[in-house]
């Protein structure tokens, strides 16, 4: 098994790109849901990579002006 640092970096770059696109789509869908349902508070549960890798879902939502609270 060949596990050099370049392979790891390539995989990480590819995964960040895919995850970033997914987060952009998720952010858009959450915004559409909020606008269509008019609830005051939402609880959104996402997997770790949506929070850890940038652009993260919390960062995208904060940049749009939404209050985001992390619950551990």
N, C-alpha and C. Protein backbone atom coordinates (compact mmCIF):
# COMPACT_ATOMS: atom_id res chain seq x y z
N UNK A 1 0.84 -1.18 0.00
CA UNK A 1 0.00 0.00 0.00
C UNK A 1 0.88 1.23 0.00
N UNK A 2 0.65 2.13 -0.94
CA UNK A 2 1.45 3.34 -1.07
C UNK A 2 0.70 4.51 -0.46
N UNK A 3 1.18 5.03 0.65
CA UNK A 3 0.49 6.12 1.36
C UNK A 3 1.43 7.32 1.50
N UNK A 4 1.85 7.91 0.39
CA UNK A 4 2.70 9.08 0.52
C UNK A 4 1.87 10.33 0.73
N UNK A 5 2.54 11.40 1.12
CA UNK A 5 1.83 12.63 1.49
C UNK A 5 1.12 13.26 0.29
N UNK A 6 1.67 13.10 -0.91
CA UNK A 6 1.01 13.67 -2.09
C UNK A 6 -0.33 13.00 -2.34
N UNK A 7 -0.38 11.69 -2.16
CA UNK A 7 -1.65 10.97 -2.34
C UNK A 7 -2.68 11.46 -1.33
N UNK A 8 -2.25 11.62 -0.10
CA UNK A 8 -3.16 12.11 0.94
C UNK A 8 -3.66 13.50 0.60
N UNK A 9 -2.77 14.38 0.16
CA UNK A 9 -3.16 15.74 -0.17
C UNK A 9 -4.12 15.78 -1.35
N UNK A 10 -3.91 14.91 -2.33
CA UNK A 10 -4.81 14.85 -3.48
C UNK A 10 -6.20 14.38 -3.07
N UNK A 11 -6.24 13.38 -2.22
CA UNK A 11 -7.53 12.88 -1.74
C UNK A 11 -8.24 13.96 -0.92
N UNK A 12 -7.49 14.63 -0.04
CA UNK A 12 -8.08 15.68 0.78
C UNK A 12 -8.62 16.82 -0.09
N UNK A 13 -7.86 17.24 -1.08
CA UNK A 13 -8.29 18.31 -1.98
C UNK A 13 -9.57 17.91 -2.71
N UNK A 14 -9.60 16.70 -3.22
CA UNK A 14 -10.79 16.22 -3.94
C UNK A 14 -11.99 16.17 -3.00
N UNK A 15 -11.79 15.65 -1.80
CA UNK A 15 -12.89 15.54 -0.85
C UNK A 15 -13.39 16.91 -0.42
N UNK A 16 -12.48 17.87 -0.20
CA UNK A 16 -12.89 19.22 0.17
C UNK A 16 -13.72 19.86 -0.94
N UNK A 17 -13.34 19.61 -2.20
CA UNK A 17 -14.08 20.17 -3.32
C UNK A 17 -15.49 19.58 -3.37
N UNK A 18 -15.59 18.26 -3.25
CA UNK A 18 -16.90 17.60 -3.28
C UNK A 18 -17.75 18.04 -2.09
N UNK A 19 -17.15 18.02 -0.90
CA UNK A 19 -17.88 18.40 0.31
C UNK A 19 -18.30 19.87 0.24
N UNK A 20 -17.43 20.73 -0.28
CA UNK A 20 -17.76 22.15 -0.41
C UNK A 20 -18.98 22.36 -1.29
N UNK A 21 -19.04 21.64 -2.41
CA UNK A 21 -20.20 21.74 -3.30
C UNK A 21 -21.46 21.24 -2.60
N UNK A 22 -21.34 20.16 -1.86
CA UNK A 22 -22.49 19.64 -1.12
C UNK A 22 -22.96 20.65 -0.09
N UNK A 23 -22.01 21.28 0.61
CA UNK A 23 -22.38 22.27 1.63
C UNK A 23 -23.07 23.48 1.01
N UNK A 24 -22.61 23.92 -0.15
CA UNK A 24 -23.27 25.03 -0.84
C UNK A 24 -24.71 24.66 -1.18
N UNK A 25 -24.92 23.44 -1.67
CA UNK A 25 -26.28 22.98 -2.00
C UNK A 25 -27.14 22.85 -0.74
N UNK A 26 -26.55 22.31 0.33
CA UNK A 26 -27.29 22.16 1.59
C UNK A 26 -27.68 23.52 2.15
N UNK A 27 -26.77 24.47 2.07
CA UNK A 27 -27.05 25.81 2.58
C UNK A 27 -28.22 26.44 1.81
N UNK A 28 -28.19 26.28 0.51
CA UNK A 28 -29.28 26.81 -0.33
C UNK A 28 -30.61 26.16 0.03
N UNK A 29 -30.60 24.84 0.22
CA UNK A 29 -31.82 24.10 0.56
C UNK A 29 -32.35 24.52 1.94
N UNK A 30 -31.44 24.70 2.91
CA UNK A 30 -31.87 25.15 4.24
C UNK A 30 -32.49 26.54 4.17
N UNK A 31 -31.90 27.40 3.35
CA UNK A 31 -32.45 28.75 3.20
C UNK A 31 -33.84 28.70 2.56
N UNK A 32 -34.02 27.86 1.56
CA UNK A 32 -35.33 27.71 0.92
C UNK A 32 -36.35 27.17 1.91
N UNK A 33 -35.95 26.21 2.73
CA UNK A 33 -36.84 25.64 3.73
C UNK A 33 -37.26 26.70 4.74
N UNK A 34 -36.30 27.49 5.21
CA UNK A 34 -36.60 28.54 6.18
C UNK A 34 -37.57 29.55 5.59
N UNK A 35 -37.36 29.94 4.36
CA UNK A 35 -38.24 30.93 3.73
C UNK A 35 -39.64 30.39 3.48
N UNK A 36 -39.76 29.10 3.22
CA UNK A 36 -41.07 28.54 2.91
C UNK A 36 -41.87 28.17 4.16
N UNK A 37 -41.20 27.95 5.29
CA UNK A 37 -41.91 27.48 6.48
C UNK A 37 -42.03 28.52 7.57
N UNK A 38 -41.22 29.53 7.55
CA UNK A 38 -41.30 30.66 8.48
C UNK A 38 -41.18 30.30 9.97
N UNK A 39 -40.56 29.20 10.29
CA UNK A 39 -40.32 28.88 11.70
C UNK A 39 -39.22 29.78 12.24
N UNK A 40 -39.24 30.02 13.54
CA UNK A 40 -38.24 30.90 14.13
C UNK A 40 -36.93 30.18 14.44
N UNK A 41 -37.01 28.90 14.75
CA UNK A 41 -35.82 28.15 15.13
C UNK A 41 -35.80 26.81 14.40
N UNK A 42 -34.63 26.42 13.95
CA UNK A 42 -34.44 25.13 13.31
C UNK A 42 -33.31 24.39 14.00
N UNK A 43 -33.45 23.10 14.11
CA UNK A 43 -32.37 22.24 14.60
C UNK A 43 -31.91 21.44 13.40
N UNK A 44 -30.65 21.62 13.03
CA UNK A 44 -30.10 20.93 11.87
C UNK A 44 -28.95 20.06 12.33
N UNK A 45 -29.02 18.78 12.03
CA UNK A 45 -27.98 17.83 12.40
C UNK A 45 -27.26 17.41 11.13
N UNK A 46 -25.93 17.58 11.12
CA UNK A 46 -25.13 17.19 9.96
C UNK A 46 -23.93 16.36 10.41
N UNK A 47 -23.34 15.64 9.49
CA UNK A 47 -22.16 14.85 9.78
C UNK A 47 -20.92 15.71 9.99
N UNK A 48 -19.90 15.10 10.54
CA UNK A 48 -18.68 15.81 10.95
C UNK A 48 -18.01 16.57 9.81
N UNK A 49 -17.91 15.98 8.64
CA UNK A 49 -17.20 16.65 7.55
C UNK A 49 -17.90 17.93 7.09
N UNK A 50 -19.20 18.05 7.31
CA UNK A 50 -19.91 19.27 6.95
C UNK A 50 -19.58 20.41 7.91
N UNK A 51 -18.97 20.08 9.04
CA UNK A 51 -18.62 21.07 10.05
C UNK A 51 -17.11 21.33 10.05
N UNK A 52 -16.33 20.31 9.77
CA UNK A 52 -14.87 20.41 9.91
C UNK A 52 -14.17 21.00 8.70
N UNK A 53 -14.60 20.66 7.50
CA UNK A 53 -13.92 21.10 6.29
C UNK A 53 -14.56 22.35 5.72
N UNK A 54 -13.74 23.31 5.33
CA UNK A 54 -14.24 24.55 4.74
C UNK A 54 -14.40 24.38 3.24
N UNK A 55 -15.44 25.00 2.69
CA UNK A 55 -16.41 25.85 3.36
C UNK A 55 -17.41 24.99 4.14
N UNK A 56 -17.43 25.17 5.45
CA UNK A 56 -18.31 24.38 6.31
C UNK A 56 -19.72 24.94 6.26
N UNK A 57 -20.67 24.11 6.57
CA UNK A 57 -22.06 24.54 6.59
C UNK A 57 -22.30 25.65 7.61
N UNK A 58 -21.76 25.55 8.84
CA UNK A 58 -21.93 26.66 9.78
C UNK A 58 -21.35 27.98 9.27
N UNK A 59 -20.18 27.92 8.64
CA UNK A 59 -19.57 29.13 8.10
C UNK A 59 -20.43 29.75 7.01
N UNK A 60 -20.93 28.92 6.11
CA UNK A 60 -21.78 29.42 5.02
C UNK A 60 -23.04 30.09 5.58
N UNK A 61 -23.66 29.46 6.58
CA UNK A 61 -24.88 30.03 7.17
C UNK A 61 -24.58 31.32 7.93
N UNK A 62 -23.47 31.35 8.68
CA UNK A 62 -23.08 32.58 9.39
C UNK A 62 -22.84 33.72 8.41
N UNK A 63 -22.18 33.40 7.29
CA UNK A 63 -21.90 34.43 6.28
C UNK A 63 -23.16 35.00 5.67
N UNK A 64 -24.26 34.25 5.71
CA UNK A 64 -25.54 34.73 5.22
C UNK A 64 -26.35 35.45 6.30
N UNK A 65 -25.77 35.54 7.50
CA UNK A 65 -26.42 36.28 8.57
C UNK A 65 -27.26 35.45 9.53
N UNK A 66 -27.23 34.13 9.39
CA UNK A 66 -28.01 33.29 10.28
C UNK A 66 -27.24 33.04 11.57
N UNK A 67 -27.93 33.05 12.70
CA UNK A 67 -27.25 32.67 13.95
C UNK A 67 -27.03 31.16 13.96
N UNK A 68 -25.83 30.76 14.30
CA UNK A 68 -25.47 29.34 14.32
C UNK A 68 -24.90 29.03 15.69
N UNK A 69 -25.42 27.98 16.29
CA UNK A 69 -24.94 27.56 17.62
C UNK A 69 -24.54 26.10 17.53
N UNK A 70 -23.34 25.82 17.97
CA UNK A 70 -22.86 24.44 17.97
C UNK A 70 -23.21 23.80 19.30
N UNK A 71 -23.85 22.64 19.23
CA UNK A 71 -24.23 21.91 20.43
C UNK A 71 -23.38 20.65 20.48
N UNK A 72 -22.64 20.50 21.55
CA UNK A 72 -21.76 19.32 21.70
C UNK A 72 -22.40 18.26 22.52
